[in-house]
Amino acid sequence: MPLSRRDFTARTVIAGAGVALTGTVGALATAPGALAAEDGADRDEHGRPCEPGYGPLVPDPAGILALPAGFGYRVITHSGVTRLESGETTPSNHDGTAAFEGRRGVTLLVNNHELKGRRENWACPVPLAEGLVYDPAAAGGCTVVEVRRGGEVAEWVGIAGTSTNCAGGATPWGTWLTCEENSDLAGKNGMTKDHGYVFEVDPHDRRANRDPKPVKAFGRYDHEAVVIDPRQGHAYLTEDASGPNGLLYRWTPPRGFRHGRGRLRTLADDAGVLQAAKCIDSSGRFVDDLSRATRIGTVYGVDWVDVPDRDARTVPVRGQFAGNAVTRGRKLEGMWWADGGAYFVSSYAREESPGAAHDGQVWFYDPKRRTIRLTVLIGVNADPSADGGYDGPDNITVSPYGGLVIAEDGSGLQHLFGATETGRTYPLARNELNIGSAEDPEYSEFTGVCFSPDGRTLYANIQDPGVMLAITGPWRRAH
C-alpha cells in the first residue's frame, strides 16, 4: 500500500528527530536511545569535550597496517601463503566476512573470495572441494576460517564454483549468505551454470553445505549484500551495478514460512515477493536517485514495487522498470542490521549519477516507519593520496562500542574509519601493503570488516592479494 503524503510527513517528523550535528567529513545520526552532545562535540565519561577515536595512526615497520598507538594486528590468512586443511593455499581476493561463535571459545569466520570468471584465470581460486561445487568453471566461493582459543587457525572450503562473491550477510540463525556480484548466464564467459544468486553457507555444519543450491527466490542480479529482519523475516538486498544504476530490494517470505538453518534451500524459485524501493520526499515527489540528497538527516518515504521477472532471463532486473518506477543508487554496497533496521551504503556519486557529487553515503532504513534517513555523507575527497580524507565507503559494521566502522574502497590511500554517534569521523587503520611500486604506489581496498562475537577483535581484509587481519587493542567507546 503506497504511503500517503500525510503518512510520510508524520513519519518524517519522528525519524528525523535527534539528528547529530555535522562532523569532520560527514555525520551519523544518533542511534535510537543515544544522546548527542548539544554542541555536537564528542565527550569523555566526565562530560569534557574530546577528539573522537584512538589517536593518530602509527606507521607499521612491517609495511602492512598502520594503527593507533596501543593497537596491534595478527595475520590470520594470506593468499598464496597460508594453507587450507586440504593442502591448497588460501584463495585470493578476500571480501565480505562475518564472525560466528563456535564451541569452546572458537571463532568461525566465513570469508568471501571475489573471483570473477573462469578459475584458470586466477593463481589462487577457491579449490573445487568434493560435494561443495556449484559450477566447476567458476573461480569464486568462500572459505571458513576457524580461530581457536590458543591462536591456532584452520581453514576449509564452504562453497566453491560461484562467481564474484562480494559481500553478503549473517543470518539471525547463525549462517552466512554469500552473494554473487556477477549475473552471467550459462554459456557466457565460460560459465556452465547461471550466476547472480545468493547461497547459504553454514559455518557450524560442513555437511549442510553439500550440493549447493542458489536461493533463486532472492532474484538473479549483481548482488552485493543482504540482511535479514529478525522479527518480520524480510530480506533486504543491495545491488552494485550500473547502466542503469542498481536498486535496493526487499524480499517478503511466503505466508507460513519460518526461517532457520537450511530452510532457504526448501523455497520454490518464485517463493515470496521480491520488490524494489521507490522513494518519495516530504513533498510527495518521486526521488529518482539517492545522490539527490545533500543534507545529513534527509528522510525519504519508501514504497515497494514488485519485480516483474526476478530471474531476469532476457532483461536485467534493474532494467525492467520505467524511469519513475523505482529509486536508484550509485554502487549500493555493504549492509548491516542494527538498531531495528538496516544500514546500507551508496558508495559514491560524481559525474556518473544525477544529483549532488559526493564520495559516499550511509543510509538507515527503518522498516516500522518505512523511511530511509541519510546518516553519513562524505564530501568529495580532493586528494585521495593524502591522509586525512576518505572516499568510497564499502563494507560496514556497527561497532559494539558505538557508531559505525567503515571499510574504504576509493582512490589513493585506503582506510578503516569510524563514524561516532555524535557525527564525527576518525581513522582506525591504514593499508600500507603496497601492491604497486615505490614510484607509483597502489593500495587495495579494505573489506570484510566485522567484530568477533565477544567484541575484543576487529577482523578486516586487504582484498589484494588477500590478507585477513585480526586487530586488537584498548577498545572503548570512541565518543
Protein backbone atom coordinates (compact mmCIF):
# COMPACT_ATOMS: atom_id res chain seq x y z
CA MET A 1 0.00 0.00 0.00
CA PRO A 2 1.65 3.30 -1.09
CA LEU A 3 2.48 5.93 1.51
CA SER A 4 0.25 8.99 1.52
CA ARG A 5 1.80 12.42 1.92
CA ARG A 6 0.16 12.71 5.36
CA ASP A 7 1.60 9.36 6.47
CA PHE A 8 5.04 10.29 5.20
CA THR A 9 5.04 13.70 6.91
CA ALA A 10 4.16 12.13 10.26
CA ARG A 11 6.88 9.52 9.93
CA THR A 12 9.46 12.08 8.82
CA VAL A 13 8.97 14.12 11.99
CA ILE A 14 9.72 11.07 14.11
CA ALA A 15 12.53 9.59 12.01
CA GLY A 16 14.35 12.90 11.61
CA ALA A 17 14.42 13.71 15.30
CA GLY A 18 17.75 13.62 17.13
CA VAL A 19 19.97 14.04 14.08
CA ALA A 20 23.50 14.90 15.17
CA LEU A 21 25.44 17.95 14.09
CA THR A 22 27.77 17.77 11.11
CA GLY A 23 31.17 16.23 11.80
CA THR A 24 34.59 16.25 10.20
CA VAL A 25 33.66 14.51 6.95
CA GLY A 26 30.07 13.52 7.37
CA ALA A 27 27.60 12.95 10.14
CA LEU A 28 25.99 9.96 11.74
CA ALA A 29 22.50 10.32 13.14
CA THR A 30 22.25 9.20 16.73
CA ALA A 31 21.17 5.63 17.17
CA PRO A 32 17.83 5.09 18.92
CA GLY A 33 18.24 5.80 22.63
CA ALA A 34 21.59 7.57 22.23
CA LEU A 35 22.03 11.22 23.19
CA ALA A 36 24.08 13.59 21.06
CA ALA A 37 26.06 16.34 22.76
CA GLU A 38 24.14 19.59 22.42
CA ASP A 39 27.08 21.34 20.74
CA GLY A 40 27.87 18.37 18.52
CA ALA A 41 31.18 17.66 20.27
CA ASP A 42 32.27 14.25 21.49
CA ARG A 43 32.70 14.00 25.23
CA ASP A 44 34.52 11.67 27.61
CA GLU A 45 32.99 9.90 30.61
CA HIS A 46 33.32 13.12 32.63
CA GLY A 47 31.41 15.19 30.07
CA ARG A 48 34.50 17.02 28.78
CA PRO A 49 34.87 17.70 25.03
CA CYS A 50 37.38 15.38 23.34
CA GLU A 51 38.54 14.23 19.95
CA PRO A 52 36.89 11.05 18.67
CA GLY A 53 38.73 7.84 18.04
CA TYR A 54 42.01 6.45 19.35
CA GLY A 55 44.55 8.98 18.18
CA PRO A 56 46.79 9.25 15.10
CA LEU A 57 47.87 6.21 13.10
CA VAL A 58 51.39 4.93 13.65
CA PRO A 59 53.29 3.66 10.57
CA ASP A 60 53.92 -0.09 10.52
CA PRO A 61 57.58 -1.21 10.22
CA ALA A 62 56.30 -4.37 8.52
CA GLY A 63 54.51 -2.30 5.89
CA ILE A 64 51.06 -3.87 6.31
CA LEU A 65 48.80 -1.93 8.67
CA ALA A 66 49.10 1.42 10.41
CA LEU A 67 47.12 1.54 13.67
CA PRO A 68 46.72 3.87 16.67
CA ALA A 69 49.27 3.52 19.47
CA GLY A 70 48.46 0.56 21.71
CA PHE A 71 46.80 -1.46 18.93
CA GLY A 72 48.24 -4.45 17.15
CA TYR A 73 47.31 -6.95 14.46
CA ARG A 74 47.85 -10.54 13.50
CA VAL A 75 47.72 -12.09 10.02
CA ILE A 76 45.10 -14.86 10.07
CA THR A 77 45.15 -15.95 6.41
CA HIS A 78 47.28 -14.81 3.47
CA SER A 79 46.55 -15.87 -0.09
CA GLY A 80 49.32 -17.98 -1.57
CA VAL A 81 51.00 -18.30 1.84
CA THR A 82 48.68 -19.95 4.37
CA ARG A 83 47.06 -23.28 3.53
CA LEU A 84 43.69 -24.95 3.77
CA GLU A 85 43.21 -28.22 5.62
CA SER A 86 43.16 -29.91 2.20
CA GLY A 87 46.63 -28.58 1.37
CA GLU A 88 45.88 -25.87 -1.21
CA THR A 89 46.87 -22.29 -0.49
CA THR A 90 44.31 -19.77 0.76
CA PRO A 91 42.29 -18.34 -2.16
CA SER A 92 42.81 -14.71 -3.13
CA ASN A 93 40.65 -11.59 -3.25
CA HIS A 94 39.18 -11.62 0.25
CA ASP A 95 35.88 -9.76 0.54
CA GLY A 96 32.78 -9.92 2.76
CA THR A 97 33.22 -11.66 6.12
CA ALA A 98 31.17 -12.43 9.21
CA ALA A 99 32.21 -13.84 12.58
CA PHE A 100 30.28 -16.53 14.47
CA GLU A 101 30.72 -18.02 17.92
CA GLY A 102 31.73 -21.66 17.79
CA ARG A 103 32.19 -24.21 20.51
CA ARG A 104 34.81 -23.98 23.26
CA GLY A 105 35.93 -20.44 22.56
CA VAL A 106 36.33 -20.91 18.80
CA THR A 107 35.57 -18.04 16.42
CA LEU A 108 34.30 -19.06 12.99
CA LEU A 109 34.79 -16.61 10.14
CA VAL A 110 33.18 -17.07 6.74
CA ASN A 111 35.25 -15.25 4.13
CA ASN A 112 34.10 -14.49 0.57
CA HIS A 113 36.58 -14.56 -2.31
CA GLU A 114 35.64 -12.09 -5.05
CA LEU A 115 36.95 -14.01 -8.05
CA LYS A 116 35.20 -13.39 -11.37
CA GLY A 117 35.29 -15.61 -14.42
CA ARG A 118 36.99 -18.90 -15.14
CA ARG A 119 39.16 -20.46 -12.47
CA GLU A 120 42.17 -20.90 -14.77
CA ASN A 121 42.44 -17.11 -14.92
CA TRP A 122 43.41 -16.97 -11.24
CA ALA A 123 46.53 -18.16 -9.45
CA CYS A 124 44.62 -18.96 -6.25
CA PRO A 125 40.97 -19.81 -6.98
CA VAL A 126 38.70 -21.45 -4.42
CA PRO A 127 39.51 -25.20 -4.59
CA LEU A 128 36.84 -27.48 -6.02
CA ALA A 129 36.17 -29.37 -2.80
CA GLU A 130 34.16 -32.54 -3.38
CA GLY A 131 30.42 -32.05 -2.89
CA LEU A 132 30.72 -28.28 -2.41
CA VAL A 133 30.85 -27.15 -6.06
CA TYR A 134 28.08 -25.26 -7.87
CA ASP A 135 29.77 -24.52 -11.23
CA PRO A 136 33.17 -26.18 -11.79
CA ALA A 137 34.16 -23.47 -14.26
CA ALA A 138 33.84 -20.58 -11.78
CA ALA A 139 36.71 -19.40 -9.58
CA GLY A 140 34.89 -17.88 -6.61
CA GLY A 141 33.32 -19.10 -3.39
CA CYS A 142 34.04 -18.72 0.28
CA THR A 143 36.14 -20.36 2.96
CA VAL A 144 35.50 -20.93 6.65
CA VAL A 145 38.31 -19.88 8.97
CA GLU A 146 38.43 -21.36 12.46
CA VAL A 147 40.38 -19.36 15.04
CA ARG A 148 40.89 -21.39 18.18
CA ARG A 149 41.40 -20.03 21.67
CA GLY A 150 45.12 -20.76 21.65
CA GLY A 151 45.60 -18.92 18.37
CA GLU A 152 45.67 -21.95 16.08
CA VAL A 153 43.97 -21.39 12.71
CA ALA A 154 42.28 -23.85 10.37
CA GLU A 155 40.60 -23.08 7.04
CA TRP A 156 38.39 -25.08 4.70
CA VAL A 157 36.07 -24.53 1.73
CA GLY A 158 32.47 -23.51 2.48
CA ILE A 159 31.31 -23.30 -1.13
CA ALA A 160 33.13 -23.37 -4.48
CA GLY A 161 32.27 -22.77 -8.12
CA THR A 162 30.45 -19.48 -7.60
CA SER A 163 31.38 -16.14 -9.15
CA THR A 164 32.48 -12.80 -7.77
CA ASN A 165 31.44 -13.46 -4.17
CA CYS A 166 31.47 -9.90 -2.93
CA ALA A 167 29.64 -9.08 0.29
CA GLY A 168 26.74 -10.96 1.83
CA GLY A 169 25.32 -11.07 5.32
CA ALA A 170 24.98 -13.07 8.51
CA THR A 171 21.59 -14.54 9.37
CA PRO A 172 19.91 -14.43 12.79
CA TRP A 173 20.13 -18.25 12.88
CA GLY A 174 23.92 -18.28 12.56
CA THR A 175 24.67 -18.87 8.88
CA TRP A 176 26.23 -16.79 6.12
CA LEU A 177 24.55 -15.64 2.90
CA THR A 178 27.19 -15.24 0.20
CA CYS A 179 26.27 -13.01 -2.75
CA GLU A 180 27.39 -13.24 -6.37
CA GLU A 181 28.13 -9.83 -7.87
CA ASN A 182 28.01 -11.24 -11.38
CA SER A 183 24.96 -12.30 -13.37
CA ASP A 184 26.50 -14.27 -16.25
CA LEU A 185 24.15 -16.85 -17.71
CA ALA A 186 25.35 -20.34 -18.58
CA GLY A 187 27.45 -20.21 -21.75
CA LYS A 188 28.73 -16.67 -21.15
CA ASN A 189 32.38 -16.10 -20.23
CA GLY A 190 32.88 -19.83 -19.93
CA MET A 191 30.29 -20.42 -17.21
CA THR A 192 28.43 -23.74 -17.22
CA LYS A 193 25.60 -22.60 -14.92
CA ASP A 194 23.62 -19.39 -14.38
CA HIS A 195 25.04 -16.93 -11.85
CA GLY A 196 23.82 -13.87 -9.97
CA TYR A 197 22.41 -15.63 -6.93
CA VAL A 198 22.65 -15.85 -3.15
CA PHE A 199 23.83 -19.07 -1.47
CA GLU A 200 23.66 -20.07 2.20
CA VAL A 201 26.80 -21.37 3.95
CA ASP A 202 26.68 -22.93 7.42
CA PRO A 203 30.00 -22.46 9.29
CA HIS A 204 28.91 -24.86 12.05
CA ASP A 205 27.99 -27.89 9.94
CA ARG A 206 30.09 -28.80 6.91
CA ARG A 207 27.58 -31.41 5.77
CA ALA A 208 24.88 -28.76 5.41
CA ASN A 209 26.86 -27.08 2.61
CA ARG A 210 26.94 -30.09 0.29
CA ASP A 211 25.20 -29.85 -3.09
CA PRO A 212 24.99 -26.02 -3.14
CA LYS A 213 21.63 -24.64 -4.18
CA PRO A 214 21.04 -20.98 -5.05
CA VAL A 215 18.26 -19.09 -3.30
CA LYS A 216 16.55 -18.12 -6.54
CA ALA A 217 13.65 -16.52 -4.66
CA PHE A 218 16.02 -13.60 -3.83
CA GLY A 219 16.42 -12.84 -7.55
CA ARG A 220 19.23 -13.03 -10.09
CA TYR A 221 21.25 -9.82 -10.43
CA ASP A 222 24.59 -8.31 -9.36
CA HIS A 223 24.15 -8.91 -5.65
CA GLU A 224 26.24 -7.04 -3.12
CA ALA A 225 24.93 -7.53 0.43
CA VAL A 226 21.93 -8.87 2.31
CA VAL A 227 20.47 -8.62 5.80
CA ILE A 228 17.51 -10.40 7.42
CA ASP A 229 14.96 -8.64 9.62
CA PRO A 230 14.88 -10.98 12.65
CA ARG A 231 11.30 -10.01 13.54
CA GLN A 232 9.50 -9.88 10.21
CA GLY A 233 11.70 -12.26 8.24
CA HIS A 234 12.17 -9.87 5.32
CA ALA A 235 15.45 -9.93 3.42
CA TYR A 236 16.91 -6.60 2.28
CA LEU A 237 19.45 -6.70 -0.52
CA THR A 238 21.71 -4.22 -2.34
CA GLU A 239 22.78 -4.30 -5.98
CA ASP A 240 26.16 -2.98 -7.14
CA ALA A 241 25.59 -2.30 -10.84
CA SER A 242 25.27 0.47 -13.38
CA GLY A 243 23.72 1.18 -16.78
CA PRO A 244 21.19 1.77 -15.17
CA ASN A 245 22.27 2.08 -11.54
CA GLY A 246 21.37 -0.64 -9.06
CA LEU A 247 18.44 -0.95 -6.69
CA LEU A 248 17.58 -1.63 -3.07
CA TYR A 249 15.41 -4.77 -2.78
CA ARG A 250 13.10 -6.34 -0.23
CA TRP A 251 12.05 -9.99 -0.24
CA THR A 252 8.93 -10.90 1.73
CA PRO A 253 8.66 -14.58 2.71
CA PRO A 254 5.57 -16.55 1.74
CA ARG A 255 2.81 -16.96 4.29
CA GLY A 256 3.65 -19.62 6.87
CA PHE A 257 7.39 -19.76 6.04
CA ARG A 258 9.71 -19.94 9.05
CA HIS A 259 13.40 -19.11 8.78
CA GLY A 260 16.09 -21.42 10.15
CA ARG A 261 19.12 -23.45 9.21
CA GLY A 262 18.64 -25.00 5.79
CA ARG A 263 15.14 -23.58 5.32
CA LEU A 264 16.08 -21.28 2.43
CA ARG A 265 17.03 -24.34 0.38
CA THR A 266 13.42 -25.51 0.55
CA LEU A 267 11.98 -22.38 -1.09
CA ALA A 268 10.48 -22.54 -4.56
CA ASP A 269 12.27 -20.38 -7.12
CA ASP A 270 9.36 -17.91 -7.14
CA ALA A 271 8.57 -18.07 -3.42
CA GLY A 272 7.61 -14.88 -1.64
CA VAL A 273 7.58 -11.42 -3.19
CA LEU A 274 10.67 -9.58 -4.47
CA GLN A 275 10.33 -5.80 -4.70
CA ALA A 276 12.47 -2.73 -5.36
CA ALA A 277 12.43 0.51 -3.38
CA LYS A 278 10.71 3.67 -4.62
CA CYS A 279 11.43 6.78 -2.56
CA ILE A 280 9.43 9.98 -2.17
CA ASP A 281 10.42 13.22 -0.44
CA SER A 282 8.41 15.18 2.11
CA SER A 283 6.50 16.94 -0.67
CA GLY A 284 5.41 13.65 -2.17
CA ARG A 285 7.78 13.95 -5.14
CA PHE A 286 9.48 10.93 -6.63
CA VAL A 287 13.23 10.62 -5.96
CA ASP A 288 15.00 9.06 -8.93
CA ASP A 289 18.44 8.61 -7.36
CA LEU A 290 19.76 8.61 -3.79
CA SER A 291 22.51 11.06 -4.74
CA ARG A 292 19.83 13.78 -4.81
CA ALA A 293 20.18 14.02 -1.02
CA THR A 294 22.56 16.80 0.02
CA ARG A 295 21.86 17.19 3.74
CA ILE A 296 22.51 14.90 6.68
CA GLY A 297 19.20 13.84 8.18
CA THR A 298 17.34 13.81 4.86
CA VAL A 299 14.41 11.41 5.17
CA TYR A 300 12.57 9.73 2.31
CA GLY A 301 9.47 7.60 2.47
CA VAL A 302 9.77 4.16 0.85
CA ASP A 303 7.23 2.26 -1.24
CA TRP A 304 7.99 -1.20 -2.60
CA VAL A 305 7.38 -2.09 -6.25
CA ASP A 306 7.07 -5.70 -7.45
CA VAL A 307 9.88 -7.06 -9.63
CA PRO A 308 8.39 -8.33 -12.93
CA ASP A 309 10.91 -11.12 -13.67
CA ARG A 310 13.19 -11.91 -10.75
CA ASP A 311 15.27 -14.46 -12.67
CA ALA A 312 15.98 -11.90 -15.41
CA ARG A 313 16.26 -14.27 -18.34
CA THR A 314 16.26 -11.55 -21.01
CA VAL A 315 16.36 -8.15 -19.24
CA PRO A 316 18.35 -7.42 -16.03
CA VAL A 317 16.06 -6.80 -13.08
CA ARG A 318 17.22 -3.19 -12.72
CA GLY A 319 16.28 -2.59 -16.38
CA GLN A 320 12.72 -3.86 -16.03
CA PHE A 321 11.31 -0.63 -14.58
CA ALA A 322 10.16 2.59 -16.22
CA GLY A 323 12.06 5.77 -15.41
CA ASN A 324 9.90 6.91 -12.49
CA ALA A 325 9.05 3.49 -11.07
CA VAL A 326 11.98 2.91 -8.70
CA THR A 327 14.82 4.79 -6.97
CA ARG A 328 18.40 4.00 -7.93
CA GLY A 329 21.74 4.35 -6.16
CA ARG A 330 25.33 4.58 -7.35
CA LYS A 331 27.17 1.45 -6.20
CA LEU A 332 24.89 0.16 -3.48
CA GLU A 333 27.33 -1.72 -1.26
CA GLY A 334 27.55 -3.06 2.30
CA MET A 335 24.66 -3.53 4.74
CA TRP A 336 24.39 -4.26 8.45
CA TRP A 337 21.33 -4.89 10.58
CA ALA A 338 21.25 -2.98 13.89
CA ASP A 339 19.06 -0.55 15.82
CA GLY A 340 15.94 -2.22 14.43
CA GLY A 341 16.80 -1.56 10.80
CA ALA A 342 19.35 -1.79 8.01
CA TYR A 343 22.33 0.49 7.47
CA PHE A 344 23.38 0.44 3.82
CA VAL A 345 25.98 2.19 1.67
CA SER A 346 25.81 4.11 -1.59
CA SER A 347 29.48 4.25 -2.41
CA TYR A 348 29.91 7.47 -4.40
CA ALA A 349 28.36 9.77 -6.99
CA ARG A 350 30.23 12.17 -9.22
CA GLU A 351 29.63 12.68 -12.92
CA GLU A 352 28.13 9.19 -13.27
CA SER A 353 24.97 9.97 -11.30
CA PRO A 354 22.34 12.71 -11.11
CA GLY A 355 22.15 14.89 -8.04
CA ALA A 356 24.97 16.11 -5.83
CA ALA A 357 28.56 14.92 -6.19
CA HIS A 358 29.78 13.06 -3.12
CA ASP A 359 32.25 10.36 -2.15
CA GLY A 360 29.86 8.18 -0.22
CA GLN A 361 26.65 7.89 1.76
CA VAL A 362 25.33 5.64 4.50
CA TRP A 363 21.56 5.34 4.84
CA PHE A 364 19.40 3.78 7.54
CA TYR A 365 16.19 2.00 6.59
CA ASP A 366 13.54 1.90 9.32
CA PRO A 367 11.08 -0.89 8.46
CA LYS A 368 8.49 0.24 11.02
CA ARG A 369 8.23 3.74 9.57
CA ARG A 370 9.09 2.73 6.00
CA THR A 371 11.65 5.52 5.74
CA ILE A 372 15.32 5.86 4.92
CA ARG A 373 17.48 8.51 6.61
CA LEU A 374 20.83 9.81 5.39
CA THR A 375 23.20 9.22 8.29
CA VAL A 376 26.65 9.69 6.71
CA LEU A 377 27.60 11.94 3.81
CA ILE A 378 31.21 12.15 2.66
CA GLY A 379 32.16 15.17 0.60
CA VAL A 380 34.34 14.80 -2.48
CA ASN A 381 37.89 13.92 -1.42
CA ALA A 382 40.06 16.41 -3.32
CA ASP A 383 43.32 14.48 -2.76
CA PRO A 384 42.89 10.76 -2.01
CA SER A 385 46.68 10.32 -1.96
CA ALA A 386 46.95 12.49 1.18
CA ASP A 387 45.98 11.24 4.62
CA GLY A 388 43.04 12.85 6.39
CA GLY A 389 40.15 12.29 3.96
CA TYR A 390 38.05 9.35 2.89
CA ASP A 391 36.16 8.23 -0.18
CA GLY A 392 34.26 5.20 -1.43
CA PRO A 393 32.76 3.51 1.66
CA ASP A 394 32.03 -0.16 1.02
CA ASN A 395 31.67 -2.85 3.70
CA ILE A 396 30.33 -1.59 7.04
CA THR A 397 29.64 -2.91 10.51
CA VAL A 398 28.04 -1.50 13.62
CA SER A 399 30.55 -1.32 16.45
CA PRO A 400 29.78 -2.72 19.92
CA TYR A 401 31.48 0.45 21.17
CA GLY A 402 29.08 2.78 19.37
CA GLY A 403 28.76 4.12 15.84
CA LEU A 404 29.93 2.53 12.62
CA VAL A 405 33.18 1.10 11.31
CA ILE A 406 33.52 1.55 7.55
CA ALA A 407 35.89 -0.07 5.04
CA GLU A 408 37.20 2.31 2.38
CA ASP A 409 37.28 1.31 -1.30
CA GLY A 410 38.27 4.51 -3.01
CA SER A 411 41.25 6.07 -4.73
CA GLY A 412 44.71 6.51 -3.26
CA LEU A 413 45.11 5.64 0.41
CA GLN A 414 42.74 3.08 1.91
CA HIS A 415 41.42 3.24 5.48
CA LEU A 416 39.18 1.69 8.03
CA PHE A 417 37.43 4.62 9.65
CA GLY A 418 34.79 5.13 12.28
CA ALA A 419 31.77 7.40 12.47
CA THR A 420 30.64 8.20 16.01
CA GLU A 421 27.08 8.56 17.23
CA THR A 422 27.59 12.32 17.52
CA GLY A 423 28.53 12.64 13.89
CA ARG A 424 32.32 12.73 13.71
CA THR A 425 34.74 10.51 11.82
CA TYR A 426 38.13 9.17 12.84
CA PRO A 427 40.84 6.92 11.35
CA LEU A 428 41.14 3.38 12.66
CA ALA A 429 43.63 1.76 10.26
CA ARG A 430 45.51 2.49 7.04
CA ASN A 431 46.60 -0.08 4.48
CA GLU A 432 50.38 0.11 3.97
CA LEU A 433 50.72 -3.04 1.85
CA ASN A 434 51.91 -1.52 -1.43
CA ILE A 435 50.99 -3.71 -4.41
CA GLY A 436 52.30 -1.13 -6.87
CA SER A 437 55.82 0.27 -6.99
CA ALA A 438 57.84 2.77 -4.99
CA GLU A 439 57.37 5.32 -7.76
CA ASP A 440 53.67 4.55 -8.26
CA PRO A 441 52.27 3.09 -5.03
CA GLU A 442 48.92 1.30 -5.06
CA TYR A 443 46.87 0.13 -2.11
CA SER A 444 44.00 -2.33 -2.28
CA GLU A 445 40.63 -1.79 -0.66
CA PHE A 446 39.65 -2.93 2.82
CA THR A 447 36.81 -5.47 3.00
CA GLY A 448 35.04 -7.81 5.41
CA VAL A 449 35.06 -5.56 8.47
CA CYS A 450 33.37 -7.23 11.47
CA PHE A 451 33.88 -7.72 15.20
CA SER A 452 34.35 -11.04 16.96
CA PRO A 453 31.34 -12.24 18.96
CA ASP A 454 32.95 -11.04 22.21
CA GLY A 455 33.79 -7.63 20.72
CA ARG A 456 37.50 -7.88 21.53
CA THR A 457 38.80 -8.33 17.99
CA LEU A 458 38.08 -6.43 14.80
CA TYR A 459 38.56 -8.55 11.69
CA ALA A 460 39.22 -6.94 8.32
CA ASN A 461 40.68 -7.94 4.97
CA ILE A 462 43.00 -6.36 2.46
CA GLN A 463 41.46 -7.65 -0.75
CA ASP A 464 44.54 -7.83 -2.96
CA PRO A 465 46.44 -10.10 -2.65
CA GLY A 466 44.08 -11.38 0.05
CA VAL A 467 45.01 -10.95 3.70
CA MET A 468 42.75 -11.45 6.72
CA LEU A 469 43.79 -9.45 9.79
CA ALA A 470 42.77 -9.60 13.44
CA ILE A 471 43.06 -6.19 15.13
CA THR A 472 43.19 -5.92 18.92
CA GLY A 473 43.81 -3.09 21.34
CA PRO A 474 42.31 -0.86 24.02
CA TRP A 475 38.79 -0.79 22.61
CA ARG A 476 36.42 1.66 24.26
CA ARG A 477 33.60 3.95 23.31
CA ALA A 478 35.11 6.14 20.60
CA HIS A 479 32.85 9.10 21.66
